[in-house]
Protein backbone atom coordinates (compact mmCIF):
# COMPACT_ATOMS: atom_id res chain seq x y z
CA MET A 1 -29.83 -4.72 -0.06
CA ASP A 2 -31.23 -7.92 1.30
CA SER A 3 -31.53 -9.61 -1.97
CA ALA A 4 -27.98 -8.53 -2.78
CA LEU A 5 -26.73 -10.00 0.35
CA GLN A 6 -28.44 -13.45 -0.18
CA TYR A 7 -27.18 -13.38 -3.81
CA ALA A 8 -23.61 -13.03 -2.58
CA ARG A 9 -24.17 -15.94 -0.09
CA ASP A 10 -25.66 -18.18 -2.68
CA HIS A 11 -22.94 -17.79 -5.22
CA ALA A 12 -20.08 -17.69 -2.66
CA ASP A 13 -18.39 -20.71 -4.04
CA ARG A 14 -18.55 -19.53 -7.52
CA PHE A 15 -16.88 -16.25 -6.60
CA VAL A 16 -13.87 -18.19 -5.10
CA GLU A 17 -13.43 -20.08 -8.27
CA GLU A 18 -13.55 -17.04 -10.34
CA LEU A 19 -10.88 -15.48 -7.98
CA LYS A 20 -8.64 -18.45 -8.31
CA ALA A 21 -8.83 -18.01 -12.16
CA TRP A 22 -7.69 -14.40 -11.95
CA LEU A 23 -4.89 -15.37 -9.52
CA ARG A 24 -3.50 -17.94 -12.04
CA ILE A 25 -2.59 -15.08 -14.26
CA PRO A 26 0.95 -13.95 -13.28
CA SER A 27 0.49 -10.11 -13.80
CA ILE A 28 3.90 -9.25 -12.65
CA SER A 29 3.93 -5.37 -13.75
CA THR A 30 7.67 -4.95 -12.75
CA ASP A 31 8.96 -7.67 -15.22
CA PRO A 32 8.67 -6.91 -18.92
CA GLU A 33 8.64 -10.67 -19.76
CA HIS A 34 5.22 -10.72 -18.04
CA ASP A 35 3.62 -7.69 -19.90
CA ALA A 36 1.29 -9.99 -22.09
CA GLN A 37 0.25 -11.65 -19.02
CA THR A 38 -0.49 -8.39 -17.05
CA ARG A 39 -2.67 -7.20 -20.10
CA ARG A 40 -4.47 -10.67 -20.03
CA ALA A 41 -5.16 -9.94 -16.29
CA ALA A 42 -6.74 -6.52 -17.24
CA ASP A 43 -8.85 -8.17 -20.17
CA TRP A 44 -9.99 -10.82 -17.79
CA LEU A 45 -11.35 -8.40 -15.22
CA ALA A 46 -13.04 -6.31 -17.88
CA GLN A 47 -14.95 -9.28 -18.95
CA ARG A 48 -16.01 -10.16 -15.42
CA LEU A 49 -17.18 -6.60 -15.07
CA ARG A 50 -19.33 -6.90 -18.13
CA ASP A 51 -20.63 -10.34 -16.88
CA ALA A 52 -21.75 -8.42 -13.63
CA GLY A 53 -23.96 -6.19 -15.61
CA LEU A 54 -21.93 -2.79 -15.61
CA LYS A 55 -23.04 -0.82 -18.43
CA THR A 56 -19.68 0.71 -19.52
CA VAL A 57 -16.42 -1.15 -19.34
CA ASP A 58 -13.02 -0.14 -21.04
CA VAL A 59 -9.45 -1.00 -20.93
CA LEU A 60 -7.68 2.22 -21.14
CA GLU A 61 -4.16 2.69 -22.16
CA THR A 62 -1.67 4.64 -20.09
CA GLY A 63 1.61 6.38 -20.70
CA SER A 64 2.66 7.19 -24.34
CA ALA A 65 4.20 5.65 -27.27
CA GLU A 66 7.80 6.48 -25.88
CA SER A 67 6.78 5.18 -22.48
CA PRO A 68 3.86 2.71 -22.42
CA GLY A 69 2.15 1.58 -19.41
CA HIS A 70 -0.05 -1.08 -18.27
CA PRO A 71 -3.78 -0.37 -18.84
CA VAL A 72 -6.38 0.71 -16.46
CA VAL A 73 -9.62 -1.17 -16.23
CA TYR A 74 -12.37 1.42 -16.05
CA ALA A 75 -16.11 0.69 -15.49
CA GLU A 76 -19.06 2.63 -14.69
CA HIS A 77 -22.83 2.28 -13.97
CA HIS A 78 -25.14 5.49 -13.71
CA VAL A 79 -28.22 5.07 -11.56
CA SER A 80 -29.33 8.65 -11.14
CA ASP A 81 -28.23 12.28 -11.34
CA ASP A 82 -29.55 12.52 -7.75
CA ALA A 83 -27.61 9.61 -6.46
CA PRO A 84 -24.06 10.10 -4.95
CA THR A 85 -21.12 8.67 -6.92
CA VAL A 86 -18.57 6.18 -5.41
CA LEU A 87 -15.39 5.60 -7.12
CA VAL A 88 -13.77 2.14 -6.39
CA TYR A 89 -10.03 1.78 -6.87
CA GLY A 90 -7.79 -1.43 -6.84
CA HIS A 91 -4.94 -2.85 -8.68
CA TYR A 92 -4.54 -6.11 -10.64
CA ASP A 93 -0.70 -6.28 -10.75
CA VAL A 94 1.21 -8.41 -8.22
CA GLN A 95 4.75 -8.54 -6.82
CA PRO A 96 7.29 -10.91 -8.26
CA PRO A 97 7.06 -14.35 -6.35
CA ASP A 98 10.68 -14.81 -5.64
CA PRO A 99 12.24 -16.59 -3.86
CA LEU A 100 10.32 -19.43 -5.39
CA GLU A 101 11.87 -22.08 -3.25
CA LEU A 102 10.19 -20.67 -0.28
CA TRP A 103 6.73 -21.23 -1.58
CA ASP A 104 4.93 -24.34 -0.47
CA GLN A 105 3.39 -24.74 -3.95
CA ASP A 106 3.32 -22.96 -7.31
CA PRO A 107 2.49 -19.16 -6.41
CA PHE A 108 0.26 -18.79 -9.33
CA GLU A 109 -1.76 -22.13 -8.72
CA PRO A 110 -3.97 -21.01 -5.84
CA VAL A 111 -4.64 -23.45 -3.20
CA GLU A 112 -6.90 -23.44 0.03
CA VAL A 113 -5.03 -24.05 3.15
CA ASP A 114 -6.83 -24.03 6.57
CA GLY A 115 -9.37 -21.66 5.30
CA ASP A 116 -6.94 -19.36 3.38
CA LEU A 117 -6.53 -18.97 -0.33
CA VAL A 118 -2.57 -19.05 -0.86
CA ALA A 119 -1.34 -17.44 -4.13
CA ARG A 120 0.55 -14.41 -5.14
CA GLY A 121 -1.86 -11.41 -5.27
CA ALA A 122 -4.55 -13.14 -3.13
CA ALA A 123 -4.56 -10.29 -0.45
CA ASP A 124 -2.57 -7.67 -2.61
CA ASP A 125 -4.69 -6.68 -4.32
CA LYS A 126 -6.83 -9.08 -6.56
CA GLY A 127 -8.87 -10.69 -3.74
CA GLN A 128 -9.77 -7.58 -2.02
CA ALA A 129 -10.42 -5.60 -5.44
CA PHE A 130 -12.66 -8.58 -6.54
CA MET A 131 -14.77 -8.22 -3.29
CA HIS A 132 -16.07 -5.03 -4.96
CA VAL A 133 -16.73 -6.49 -8.35
CA LYS A 134 -18.76 -9.37 -6.60
CA ALA A 135 -20.75 -6.82 -4.43
CA VAL A 136 -21.67 -4.80 -7.69
CA GLU A 137 -22.82 -8.13 -9.26
CA ALA A 138 -24.75 -9.02 -6.36
CA TYR A 139 -26.77 -5.76 -6.75
CA LEU A 140 -27.05 -5.89 -10.40
CA GLN A 141 -28.04 -9.57 -10.76
CA SER A 142 -30.35 -9.91 -7.71
CA GLY A 143 -32.87 -7.26 -8.83
CA ASP A 144 -32.06 -4.71 -5.90
CA GLY A 145 -30.40 -2.35 -8.26
CA LEU A 146 -27.38 -0.32 -7.28
CA PRO A 147 -28.23 2.50 -4.74
CA VAL A 148 -25.39 4.77 -5.95
CA ASN A 149 -23.66 5.62 -9.12
CA LEU A 150 -20.48 3.45 -9.44
CA LYS A 151 -17.25 3.97 -11.02
CA MET A 152 -14.28 1.42 -10.89
CA MET A 153 -10.73 2.14 -11.74
CA VAL A 154 -8.29 -0.83 -11.43
CA GLU A 155 -4.71 -0.08 -12.39
CA GLY A 156 -1.88 -2.42 -13.43
CA GLU A 157 1.13 -0.61 -12.07
CA GLU A 158 0.76 -0.14 -8.14
CA GLU A 159 3.46 -2.66 -7.69
CA ASN A 160 5.73 -0.67 -9.92
CA GLY A 161 5.30 2.79 -8.52
CA SER A 162 2.10 3.65 -10.35
CA VAL A 163 4.45 5.87 -12.57
CA HIS A 164 1.59 6.53 -15.27
CA LEU A 165 -1.49 6.67 -12.67
CA ALA A 166 -1.20 10.61 -11.65
CA PRO A 167 -1.20 11.66 -15.37
CA PHE A 168 -4.18 9.36 -16.11
CA ILE A 169 -6.15 10.66 -13.32
CA GLU A 170 -5.35 14.44 -14.33
CA ALA A 171 -6.25 13.53 -18.03
CA ASN A 172 -9.52 11.96 -16.97
CA ARG A 173 -10.96 14.40 -14.38
CA ASP A 174 -14.34 14.68 -15.71
CA ARG A 175 -14.61 10.74 -16.08
CA LEU A 176 -13.43 9.93 -12.73
CA ALA A 177 -15.52 12.72 -11.01
CA ALA A 178 -17.10 11.33 -7.79
CA ASP A 179 -18.17 12.09 -4.21
CA VAL A 180 -15.72 9.68 -2.54
CA VAL A 181 -13.26 7.03 -3.32
CA LEU A 182 -13.38 3.27 -1.78
CA VAL A 183 -10.33 1.35 -1.48
CA SER A 184 -9.60 -2.12 -0.05
CA ASP A 185 -5.73 -2.49 0.10
CA THR A 186 -5.22 -2.27 3.78
CA ALA A 187 -5.69 -4.49 6.65
CA LEU A 188 -7.92 -5.23 9.72
CA PHE A 189 -6.47 -4.52 13.05
CA ALA A 190 -6.71 -8.20 13.85
CA PRO A 191 -8.60 -11.22 13.18
CA GLY A 192 -12.19 -10.54 14.14
CA VAL A 193 -11.36 -6.94 15.03
CA PRO A 194 -12.90 -4.52 12.37
CA SER A 195 -11.10 -1.35 11.65
CA ILE A 196 -10.98 1.50 9.28
CA ALA A 197 -7.83 3.22 8.47
CA TYR A 198 -8.20 7.05 8.63
CA GLY A 199 -4.46 7.78 8.06
CA LEU A 200 -1.60 6.52 5.78
CA ARG A 201 2.05 7.51 5.82
CA GLY A 202 4.00 9.06 3.05
CA LEU A 203 7.29 8.00 1.80
CA ALA A 204 10.65 9.72 0.79
CA TYR A 205 13.21 7.13 -0.81
CA VAL A 206 16.69 8.15 -1.55
CA GLU A 207 19.95 6.54 -2.43
CA VAL A 208 23.12 7.89 -1.04
CA GLU A 209 26.76 6.85 -2.31
CA LEU A 210 30.21 7.95 -1.04
CA GLU A 211 33.25 7.51 -3.31
CA GLY A 212 36.82 7.85 -2.08
CA PRO A 213 39.58 6.32 -4.08
CA ALA A 214 39.12 6.08 -7.75
CA ARG A 215 39.42 2.16 -7.46
CA ASP A 216 39.46 -0.60 -4.97
CA LEU A 217 42.75 -0.55 -3.16
CA HIS A 218 44.94 -3.07 -1.22
CA SER A 219 44.04 -2.74 2.38
CA GLY A 220 47.49 -3.68 3.36
CA VAL A 221 49.20 -1.05 1.19
CA TYR A 222 46.73 1.94 1.66
CA GLY A 223 44.85 1.15 4.75
CA GLY A 224 45.67 3.57 7.45
CA GLY A 225 46.31 6.29 4.75
CA VAL A 226 43.19 6.34 2.76
CA GLU A 227 39.65 6.86 4.25
CA ASN A 228 37.34 3.75 3.58
CA PRO A 229 33.99 4.87 2.17
CA ILE A 230 32.14 1.96 3.95
CA ASN A 231 33.54 3.20 7.34
CA ALA A 232 32.57 6.68 6.50
CA LEU A 233 28.99 5.90 5.46
CA ALA A 234 28.43 3.47 8.47
CA ARG A 235 29.25 6.51 10.76
CA MET A 236 27.01 8.89 8.98
CA ILE A 237 24.28 6.14 9.19
CA ALA A 238 24.87 5.54 12.86
CA ASP A 239 24.37 9.31 13.58
CA LEU A 240 21.05 9.43 11.85
CA HIS A 241 19.31 8.72 15.21
CA ASP A 242 20.00 9.84 18.77
CA ASP A 243 19.79 7.96 22.02
CA ASP A 244 15.87 8.51 21.93
CA HIS A 245 15.59 7.16 18.59
CA ARG A 246 14.84 10.28 17.25
CA VAL A 247 15.96 11.47 13.67
CA THR A 248 18.76 13.79 13.69
CA VAL A 249 18.18 15.36 10.28
CA GLU A 250 17.90 19.00 10.67
CA GLY A 251 14.18 20.20 10.40
CA PHE A 252 12.89 16.59 10.14
CA TYR A 253 10.21 17.21 12.61
CA ASP A 254 9.34 20.77 11.71
CA ASP A 255 5.94 19.91 10.00
CA VAL A 256 4.90 16.86 12.05
CA ARG A 257 1.27 17.14 12.99
CA GLU A 258 1.44 15.94 16.60
CA LEU A 259 -1.12 13.33 17.68
CA THR A 260 -4.13 14.67 19.69
CA ASP A 261 -5.16 13.32 23.17
CA GLU A 262 -8.20 11.75 21.57
CA GLU A 263 -6.12 9.99 19.05
CA ARG A 264 -3.66 8.64 21.66
CA ALA A 265 -6.56 7.58 23.70
CA GLY A 266 -7.79 5.57 20.63
CA PHE A 267 -4.52 3.82 20.24
CA ARG A 268 -4.67 2.76 23.92
CA GLU A 269 -8.04 1.11 23.41
CA LEU A 270 -6.82 -1.05 20.60
CA PRO A 271 -6.57 -4.66 21.62
CA PHE A 272 -2.84 -4.71 20.88
CA ASP A 273 -0.80 -7.89 22.03
CA GLU A 274 2.84 -6.49 22.01
CA ALA A 275 4.26 -9.80 23.11
CA ARG A 276 2.68 -11.59 20.03
CA TRP A 277 3.68 -8.80 17.76
CA GLN A 278 7.29 -9.19 18.91
CA GLU A 279 7.01 -12.92 18.27
CA GLU A 280 5.55 -12.50 14.69
CA ALA A 281 8.43 -9.77 13.85
CA GLY A 282 10.99 -12.29 15.37
CA VAL A 283 12.46 -9.67 17.79
CA GLU A 284 13.21 -9.93 21.50
CA ALA A 285 12.68 -6.38 22.16
CA THR A 286 11.11 -3.18 20.66
CA LYS A 287 12.83 -0.02 19.89
CA THR A 288 10.62 3.13 19.62
CA GLU A 289 10.89 6.88 19.60
CA ALA A 290 10.97 7.92 23.24
CA GLY A 291 7.50 8.69 24.58
CA TYR A 292 5.55 6.77 22.00
CA SER A 293 4.03 3.30 21.99
CA VAL A 294 4.87 0.59 19.31
CA LEU A 295 1.48 1.31 17.74
CA GLU A 296 2.01 4.94 17.62
CA GLY A 297 5.58 4.61 16.44
CA THR A 298 4.71 2.05 13.55
CA THR A 299 1.62 3.97 12.24
CA ALA A 300 1.64 7.62 13.37
CA ARG A 301 5.19 8.71 13.70
CA PRO A 302 7.73 9.68 10.97
CA THR A 303 10.67 7.24 10.57
CA LEU A 304 14.12 6.91 8.86
CA ASP A 305 15.37 3.47 7.97
CA VAL A 306 18.29 2.03 5.91
CA ASN A 307 16.80 -0.56 3.45
CA GLY A 308 20.11 -1.67 2.01
CA ILE A 309 23.84 -1.02 2.27
CA TRP A 310 26.66 -2.40 0.19
CA GLY A 311 30.23 -1.83 -0.94
CA GLY A 312 33.50 -3.66 -1.30
CA TYR A 313 33.96 -7.53 -1.38
CA THR A 314 31.08 -9.64 -0.22
CA GLY A 315 31.72 -12.79 -2.34
CA LYS A 316 33.07 -16.06 -0.84
CA GLY A 317 36.58 -16.31 0.89
CA ALA A 318 38.70 -13.27 1.59
CA LYS A 319 39.66 -10.25 -0.60
CA THR A 320 41.43 -7.60 1.41
CA VAL A 321 40.32 -4.46 -0.40
CA LEU A 322 39.73 -1.01 0.74
CA PRO A 323 36.56 -0.26 -1.36
CA SER A 324 36.28 2.76 -3.66
CA LYS A 325 32.39 3.14 -3.05
CA ALA A 326 29.82 2.63 -0.52
CA THR A 327 26.16 2.92 -1.11
CA ALA A 328 22.85 2.88 0.87
CA LYS A 329 19.24 3.24 0.19
CA ILE A 330 17.18 5.03 2.78
CA SER A 331 13.40 5.45 3.28
CA CYS A 332 11.45 7.79 5.39
CA ARG A 333 7.85 7.13 6.34
CA LEU A 334 6.14 10.49 6.59
CA VAL A 335 3.14 11.83 8.66
CA PRO A 336 0.96 14.83 8.16
CA ASP A 337 2.06 17.50 7.30
CA GLN A 338 5.50 16.38 6.14
CA THR A 339 6.16 16.21 2.35
CA PRO A 340 8.28 13.94 0.34
CA ASP A 341 10.10 16.83 -1.57
CA ASP A 342 10.75 18.72 1.77
CA ILE A 343 12.12 15.76 3.57
CA THR A 344 14.13 14.70 0.52
CA GLU A 345 15.80 18.10 0.36
CA LYS A 346 16.54 17.96 4.06
CA LEU A 347 18.27 14.45 3.69
CA ARG A 348 20.19 15.85 0.93
CA ARG A 349 21.50 19.01 2.99
CA HIS A 350 22.17 16.66 5.82
CA PHE A 351 24.27 14.39 3.87
CA GLU A 352 26.17 17.21 1.89
CA THR A 353 26.93 18.85 5.30
CA HIS A 354 28.11 15.65 7.08
CA ALA A 355 30.09 14.04 4.17
CA PRO A 356 33.74 13.77 4.86
CA GLU A 357 36.09 16.06 2.87
CA THR A 358 38.02 12.89 1.71
CA MET A 359 34.73 11.63 -0.13
CA ARG A 360 32.62 12.46 -3.20
CA LEU A 361 28.89 12.29 -2.39
CA THR A 362 26.13 11.23 -5.00
CA PHE A 363 22.57 11.65 -3.63
CA ARG A 364 19.68 10.24 -5.65
CA ASN A 365 16.03 10.93 -5.28
CA LEU A 366 14.40 7.81 -6.27
CA HIS A 367 10.72 8.41 -5.51
CA GLY A 368 8.27 9.47 -2.74
CA GLY A 369 4.65 9.81 -1.94
CA HIS A 370 2.31 11.88 0.28
CA GLY A 371 0.49 10.59 3.34
CA ALA A 372 -3.17 11.05 4.01
CA ILE A 373 -5.56 11.49 6.73
CA VAL A 374 -9.30 11.58 6.69
CA ASP A 375 -11.86 13.03 8.98
CA THR A 376 -13.44 10.12 10.73
CA SER A 377 -16.82 11.88 11.23
CA ALA A 378 -17.37 12.36 7.46
CA PRO A 379 -20.54 10.68 6.04
CA ALA A 380 -18.61 8.00 3.96
CA MET A 381 -16.49 7.04 7.02
CA GLN A 382 -19.71 6.70 9.24
CA ALA A 383 -21.19 4.74 6.30
CA ALA A 384 -18.16 2.28 6.37
CA ALA A 385 -18.42 2.04 10.15
CA GLU A 386 -22.07 1.08 9.79
CA ALA A 387 -21.21 -1.44 7.08
CA LEU A 388 -18.41 -3.31 9.21
CA GLU A 389 -20.61 -3.14 12.26
CA GLY A 390 -23.35 -5.01 10.25
CA VAL A 391 -20.88 -7.66 9.17
CA PHE A 392 -18.89 -8.20 12.70
CA GLY A 393 -21.64 -7.18 15.10
CA GLN A 394 -19.33 -4.57 16.76
CA ARG A 395 -18.41 -1.09 15.99
CA PRO A 396 -14.94 -0.80 14.12
CA HIS A 397 -11.95 0.91 15.50
CA PHE A 398 -10.54 3.80 13.47
CA THR A 399 -6.71 3.19 13.03
CA ARG A 400 -3.74 4.61 11.26
CA GLU A 401 -1.64 2.40 9.06
CA GLY A 402 2.17 2.64 8.67
CA GLY A 403 2.38 2.05 4.90
CA SER A 404 1.65 4.29 1.98
CA ILE A 405 -0.62 4.22 -0.77
CA PRO A 406 0.38 7.26 -2.95
CA VAL A 407 -2.77 7.25 -5.08
CA VAL A 408 -4.88 8.25 -1.92
CA ALA A 409 -3.04 11.66 -1.85
CA ASP A 410 -3.50 11.89 -5.69
CA PHE A 411 -7.13 11.45 -5.44
CA LYS A 412 -7.25 14.30 -2.88
CA ARG A 413 -4.83 16.57 -4.87
CA LEU A 414 -6.20 15.96 -8.30
CA LEU A 415 -9.97 15.24 -7.76
CA GLY A 416 -10.61 16.73 -4.37
CA LEU A 417 -11.66 13.52 -3.04
CA ASP A 418 -11.21 11.77 0.36
CA THR A 419 -10.83 7.93 0.42
CA VAL A 420 -12.36 5.45 2.62
CA LEU A 421 -9.78 2.73 3.39
CA MET A 422 -11.91 -0.48 4.19
CA GLY A 423 -9.49 -3.32 3.75
CA PHE A 424 -9.80 -6.84 4.90
CA GLY A 425 -6.20 -8.08 4.93
CA LEU A 426 -4.14 -8.97 7.84
CA ASP A 427 -0.50 -8.21 8.62
CA SER A 428 -0.02 -12.04 8.71
CA ASP A 429 -1.11 -12.51 5.19
CA ALA A 430 2.52 -12.44 3.95
CA ILE A 431 1.76 -9.93 1.13
CA HIS A 432 5.14 -9.30 -0.80
CA SER A 433 6.41 -12.59 0.60
CA PRO A 434 6.45 -16.35 -0.06
CA ASN A 435 2.96 -18.06 0.60
CA GLU A 436 0.85 -15.08 0.47
CA ARG A 437 -2.58 -15.65 1.61
CA PHE A 438 -6.13 -14.37 2.17
CA GLY A 439 -8.68 -15.69 4.38
CA LEU A 440 -11.92 -16.88 2.58
CA ASP A 441 -13.96 -15.76 5.56
CA ARG A 442 -12.67 -12.23 4.92
CA PHE A 443 -13.00 -12.31 1.32
CA HIS A 444 -16.82 -13.04 1.84
CA GLN A 445 -17.13 -10.52 4.61
CA GLY A 446 -15.50 -7.79 2.32
CA ILE A 447 -18.25 -8.60 -0.18
CA GLU A 448 -20.93 -8.13 2.49
CA ALA A 449 -19.21 -5.00 3.82
CA SER A 450 -19.20 -3.54 0.29
CA VAL A 451 -22.79 -4.20 -0.30
CA ARG A 452 -23.78 -2.83 2.97
CA PHE A 453 -21.55 0.32 2.45
CA LEU A 454 -23.15 1.20 -0.70
CA ASP A 455 -26.44 1.01 0.76
CA ALA A 456 -25.45 3.05 3.99
CA TYR A 457 -23.73 5.93 1.84
CA ALA A 458 -26.72 6.08 -0.36
CA ARG A 459 -29.00 6.59 2.67
CA GLN A 460 -26.72 9.14 4.10
CA ALA A 461 -26.86 11.10 0.94
CA GLU A 462 -30.69 11.18 1.07
CA ASP A 463 -30.50 12.52 4.58
CA ARG A 464 -28.30 15.41 3.69
């Protein structure tokens, strides 16, 4: 391990320049006009993996002729039948950069600003995925030799819902067989505060439409005699929470796994600055479910939020119409043991029950994903804790994250594998936003942590 760590330090500047080259490729998976660039990003990564010394590297197609997907970059390096196998997952696709006018520079021309690398994909997820590529290179090129069997799977559709990933995993069960999955697509709790996520929330995402009259009507002629769909939908949405900010959908909390006393104590021990959090969020006050802290509410409790609502006339000037339709998009963040199918069906029943008789309801299930929770005492989690302690000089906190990474549940469901979420982002990295950034100090810390994790996990396997 020592030689690998020294190799990483000696080649740190080159690693950054290579990452910049990858970030210059606009691999926007959601935009068909960028399909060629997205594939170029996959091919670029495959070549870097070959250069690093991995024995097997393939660019594997996903989807079908009727519904082609972006490829998965797959690599593996077999050391020994007796060594444990680590499967590293990441994604090379990125969010669209819009709105372009809010960037301080070209989003696909990375620049260094105050120690951060600013570019689309810097933190989510090219920078974090590349940490593991460089950790593997450090082992293979330094003479240390990898202490584990390693497999890497880097997809190109994460920002587009990973629509072809679960079928790919299912079709490649034998190829992807491993002992644990390692993912860096999450955040440290705070700058200089190491943490490992042991829980992610799931997601149920739906669209609700109310239709009243067959067309937009003159509000002066028909107002007072025809119910307004926007008014009706607004009432229904207002009733989705009670005064304690609990969701009123029938059965919503039936399967929620309550936080243990130990978990709640862990939340209290975290160095959380609520005033600074409010400032970063741009709010003057918080609003949480009664009985729970802001940290608990944002990471370990289920939520329901309206993500968008529209209807009627929203252009310049006045147009006095009584609209024919009103629509809203609604997302629910789910916790163990809630499931997206169950919550979606409960949402459907709730809206059908409460829709006015004067309206026609259309309910659409857009997509969803399962949450995940991992035993913090598992050997791989303890190896990650040892790795981060070696980097930061302090034992990391185990935390839960409010976001969703659906593939983590897929790994458990399809391969029976738990996932170590060892991320190095920060909530302030502006992922999905203009001026996305990734601290170069964290990039190098992530490479070192990856080197240390592989060593610690191999030693733990020998002891078992």
